[in-house]
Amino acid sequence: MPKSKGREPALGEMQDFSGRYRGAQQVEARAGGWYEFADIGDELVGEYRGTQPFRNGMKSTIRTTDGTLVVFSTPTLLRQQLEEIKIGESVAIVLAGFEKSNKASPMKVFQVFRLPSGGQRK
């Protein structure tokens, strides 16, 4: 279908196309954005969706139990732990502590747990 040659839409302007598809149910996005592990005990629990290259490192994605997609930075040691987890498996990632490193900031140490399907915290 050719594009119409109308005016340029304003930023943030939205149109409703819900009537275009008979019997269709609209799917709402639940984008959680970027997650930063900052404090000991911070955790992400959900379905592991994979790890990809990103800027100067790697990023991984988890789909939480409420369906939100969360992306987080994946340092080398965490990436190595996640290599043991298959895409689609339930996982818990917990910031367990910090260790001294050669860099200005301390190295984050994670514990990664493979959970039973749909696994939850005790």
C-alpha atoms as a PDB file:
ATOM      1  CA  MET A   1       0.000   0.000   0.000  1.00  0.00           C
ATOM      2  CA  PRO A   2       1.562   3.360  -1.002  1.00  0.00           C
ATOM      3  CA  LYS A   3       2.263   5.987   1.633  1.00  0.00           C
ATOM      4  CA  SER A   4      -0.038   8.976   1.591  1.00  0.00           C
ATOM      5  CA  LYS A   5       1.529  12.356   0.980  1.00  0.00           C
ATOM      6  CA  GLY A   6      -0.091  14.169   3.889  1.00  0.00           C
ATOM      7  CA  ARG A   7       1.406  16.511   6.418  1.00  0.00           C
ATOM      8  CA  GLU A   8       4.326  15.441   8.611  1.00  0.00           C
ATOM      9  CA  PRO A   9       2.957  14.121  11.949  1.00  0.00           C
ATOM     10  CA  ALA A  10       3.867  15.991  15.122  1.00  0.00           C
ATOM     11  CA  LEU A  11       6.137  14.230  17.603  1.00  0.00           C
ATOM     12  CA  GLY A  12       3.960  12.315  20.085  1.00  0.00           C
ATOM     13  CA  GLU A  13       0.903  12.442  17.822  1.00  0.00           C
ATOM     14  CA  MET A  14      -0.895   9.106  17.730  1.00  0.00           C
ATOM     15  CA  GLN A  15      -3.769   7.715  15.699  1.00  0.00           C
ATOM     16  CA  ASP A  16      -6.103   4.893  16.725  1.00  0.00           C
ATOM     17  CA  PHE A  17      -6.188   1.992  14.254  1.00  0.00           C
ATOM     18  CA  SER A  18      -8.150  -0.412  16.488  1.00  0.00           C
ATOM     19  CA  GLY A  19     -11.095  -0.478  14.074  1.00  0.00           C
ATOM     20  CA  ARG A  20      -8.932  -1.499  11.119  1.00  0.00           C
ATOM     21  CA  TYR A  21      -8.733  -5.219  11.960  1.00  0.00           C
ATOM     22  CA  ARG A  22     -12.015  -7.013  12.613  1.00  0.00           C
ATOM     23  CA  GLY A  23     -11.944  -9.250  15.694  1.00  0.00           C
ATOM     24  CA  ALA A  24      -8.355  -8.316  16.581  1.00  0.00           C
ATOM     25  CA  GLN A  25      -7.229  -7.667  20.141  1.00  0.00           C
ATOM     26  CA  GLN A  26      -4.658  -4.932  20.606  1.00  0.00           C
ATOM     27  CA  VAL A  27      -1.497  -5.895  22.458  1.00  0.00           C
ATOM     28  CA  GLU A  28      -0.109  -3.287  24.844  1.00  0.00           C
ATOM     29  CA  ALA A  29       3.633  -2.858  25.301  1.00  0.00           C
ATOM     30  CA  ARG A  30       5.167  -3.336  28.732  1.00  0.00           C
ATOM     31  CA  ALA A  31       8.641  -2.010  28.167  1.00  0.00           C
ATOM     32  CA  GLY A  32      10.573  -1.926  31.410  1.00  0.00           C
ATOM     33  CA  GLY A  33      13.645  -0.287  29.980  1.00  0.00           C
ATOM     34  CA  TRP A  34      17.141  -0.455  31.420  1.00  0.00           C
ATOM     35  CA  TYR A  35      17.806  -2.065  34.822  1.00  0.00           C
ATOM     36  CA  GLU A  36      20.853  -1.227  36.928  1.00  0.00           C
ATOM     37  CA  PHE A  37      22.043  -3.613  39.645  1.00  0.00           C
ATOM     38  CA  ALA A  38      23.182  -1.146  42.329  1.00  0.00           C
ATOM     39  CA  ASP A  39      22.777  -2.642  45.815  1.00  0.00           C
ATOM     40  CA  ILE A  40      23.552  -6.075  47.227  1.00  0.00           C
ATOM     41  CA  GLY A  41      20.379  -8.150  46.962  1.00  0.00           C
ATOM     42  CA  ASP A  42      19.066  -6.410  43.828  1.00  0.00           C
ATOM     43  CA  GLU A  43      17.523  -9.117  41.672  1.00  0.00           C
ATOM     44  CA  LEU A  44      15.843  -9.847  38.368  1.00  0.00           C
ATOM     45  CA  VAL A  45      13.601 -12.887  38.060  1.00  0.00           C
ATOM     46  CA  GLY A  46      11.993 -14.082  34.853  1.00  0.00           C
ATOM     47  CA  GLU A  47      12.493 -15.724  31.481  1.00  0.00           C
ATOM     48  CA  TYR A  48      15.982 -15.331  30.025  1.00  0.00           C
ATOM     49  CA  ARG A  49      15.727 -13.878  26.505  1.00  0.00           C
ATOM     50  CA  GLY A  50      19.401 -13.769  25.514  1.00  0.00           C
ATOM     51  CA  THR A  51      22.596 -11.702  25.457  1.00  0.00           C
ATOM     52  CA  GLN A  52      23.784  -9.455  22.616  1.00  0.00           C
ATOM     53  CA  PRO A  53      26.694  -7.093  21.911  1.00  0.00           C
ATOM     54  CA  PHE A  54      25.994  -3.521  23.003  1.00  0.00           C
ATOM     55  CA  ARG A  55      28.197  -0.423  22.752  1.00  0.00           C
ATOM     56  CA  ASN A  56      31.363  -1.295  24.703  1.00  0.00           C
ATOM     57  CA  GLY A  57      30.137  -4.578  26.145  1.00  0.00           C
ATOM     58  CA  MET A  58      27.150  -6.902  26.292  1.00  0.00           C
ATOM     59  CA  LYS A  59      23.503  -6.561  27.314  1.00  0.00           C
ATOM     60  CA  SER A  60      20.983  -9.215  28.305  1.00  0.00           C
ATOM     61  CA  THR A  61      17.187  -9.293  28.437  1.00  0.00           C
ATOM     62  CA  ILE A  62      14.774 -10.847  30.929  1.00  0.00           C
ATOM     63  CA  ARG A  63      10.981 -11.050  30.550  1.00  0.00           C
ATOM     64  CA  THR A  64       9.670 -10.656  34.107  1.00  0.00           C
ATOM     65  CA  THR A  65       6.662 -12.583  35.409  1.00  0.00           C
ATOM     66  CA  ASP A  66       4.357  -9.654  34.557  1.00  0.00           C
ATOM     67  CA  GLY A  67       5.584  -9.668  30.938  1.00  0.00           C
ATOM     68  CA  THR A  68       7.859  -6.631  31.167  1.00  0.00           C
ATOM     69  CA  LEU A  69      11.055  -6.770  29.092  1.00  0.00           C
ATOM     70  CA  VAL A  70      14.043  -5.590  31.124  1.00  0.00           C
ATOM     71  CA  VAL A  71      17.504  -4.997  29.646  1.00  0.00           C
ATOM     72  CA  PHE A  72      20.695  -4.873  31.735  1.00  0.00           C
ATOM     73  CA  SER A  73      24.430  -4.565  31.281  1.00  0.00           C
ATOM     74  CA  THR A  74      26.178  -7.943  31.346  1.00  0.00           C
ATOM     75  CA  PRO A  75      29.776  -7.897  32.582  1.00  0.00           C
ATOM     76  CA  THR A  76      32.053 -10.757  31.530  1.00  0.00           C
ATOM     77  CA  LEU A  77      31.622 -12.963  34.619  1.00  0.00           C
ATOM     78  CA  LEU A  78      27.816 -12.611  34.536  1.00  0.00           C
ATOM     79  CA  ARG A  79      27.832 -13.380  30.811  1.00  0.00           C
ATOM     80  CA  GLN A  80      29.799 -16.568  31.487  1.00  0.00           C
ATOM     81  CA  GLN A  81      27.215 -17.615  34.097  1.00  0.00           C
ATOM     82  CA  LEU A  82      24.331 -16.866  31.713  1.00  0.00           C
ATOM     83  CA  GLU A  83      25.934 -19.042  29.015  1.00  0.00           C
ATOM     84  CA  GLU A  84      24.706 -21.986  31.117  1.00  0.00           C
ATOM     85  CA  ILE A  85      21.092 -20.771  30.850  1.00  0.00           C
ATOM     86  CA  LYS A  86      19.055 -21.566  27.735  1.00  0.00           C
ATOM     87  CA  ILE A  87      16.863 -18.925  26.133  1.00  0.00           C
ATOM     88  CA  GLY A  88      13.368 -19.337  27.561  1.00  0.00           C
ATOM     89  CA  GLU A  89      14.487 -20.808  30.894  1.00  0.00           C
ATOM     90  CA  SER A  90      13.369 -19.203  34.149  1.00  0.00           C
ATOM     91  CA  VAL A  91      16.247 -17.537  35.943  1.00  0.00           C
ATOM     92  CA  ALA A  92      17.013 -15.387  38.982  1.00  0.00           C
ATOM     93  CA  ILE A  93      20.010 -13.033  38.901  1.00  0.00           C
ATOM     94  CA  VAL A  94      21.070 -11.522  42.224  1.00  0.00           C
ATOM     95  CA  LEU A  95      23.800  -8.979  42.932  1.00  0.00           C
ATOM     96  CA  ALA A  96      25.677 -10.844  45.690  1.00  0.00           C
ATOM     97  CA  GLY A  97      28.471  -8.370  46.392  1.00  0.00           C
ATOM     98  CA  PHE A  98      31.452  -6.403  45.150  1.00  0.00           C
ATOM     99  CA  GLU A  99      35.127  -7.290  44.733  1.00  0.00           C
ATOM    100  CA  LYS A 100      38.156  -5.112  44.208  1.00  0.00           C
ATOM    101  CA  SER A 101      39.114  -4.703  40.558  1.00  0.00           C
ATOM    102  CA  ASN A 102      41.793  -3.007  38.476  1.00  0.00           C
ATOM    103  CA  LYS A 103      39.239  -0.425  37.366  1.00  0.00           C
ATOM    104  CA  ALA A 104      38.073   2.651  39.240  1.00  0.00           C
ATOM    105  CA  SER A 105      34.841   0.988  40.346  1.00  0.00           C
ATOM    106  CA  PRO A 106      34.550  -2.365  42.146  1.00  0.00           C
ATOM    107  CA  MET A 107      33.565  -5.501  40.229  1.00  0.00           C
ATOM    108  CA  LYS A 108      29.989  -6.704  40.749  1.00  0.00           C
ATOM    109  CA  VAL A 109      29.612 -10.357  41.750  1.00  0.00           C
ATOM    110  CA  PHE A 110      26.380 -12.119  40.803  1.00  0.00           C
ATOM    111  CA  GLN A 111      24.660 -15.342  41.707  1.00  0.00           C
ATOM    112  CA  VAL A 112      22.607 -16.877  38.892  1.00  0.00           C
ATOM    113  CA  PHE A 113      19.943 -19.489  39.605  1.00  0.00           C
ATOM    114  CA  ARG A 114      18.147 -21.717  37.087  1.00  0.00           C
ATOM    115  CA  LEU A 115      14.554 -21.907  38.372  1.00  0.00           C
ATOM    116  CA  PRO A 116      11.808 -24.458  37.767  1.00  0.00           C
ATOM    117  CA  SER A 117       9.475 -23.291  34.995  1.00  0.00           C
ATOM    118  CA  GLY A 118       7.608 -20.221  36.218  1.00  0.00           C
ATOM    119  CA  GLY A 119       9.852 -20.282  39.303  1.00  0.00           C
ATOM    120  CA  GLN A 120       9.260 -17.745  42.019  1.00  0.00           C
ATOM    121  CA  ARG A 121      11.002 -16.639  45.163  1.00  0.00           C
ATOM    122  CA  LYS A 122      10.309 -18.626  48.358  1.00  0.00           C
END
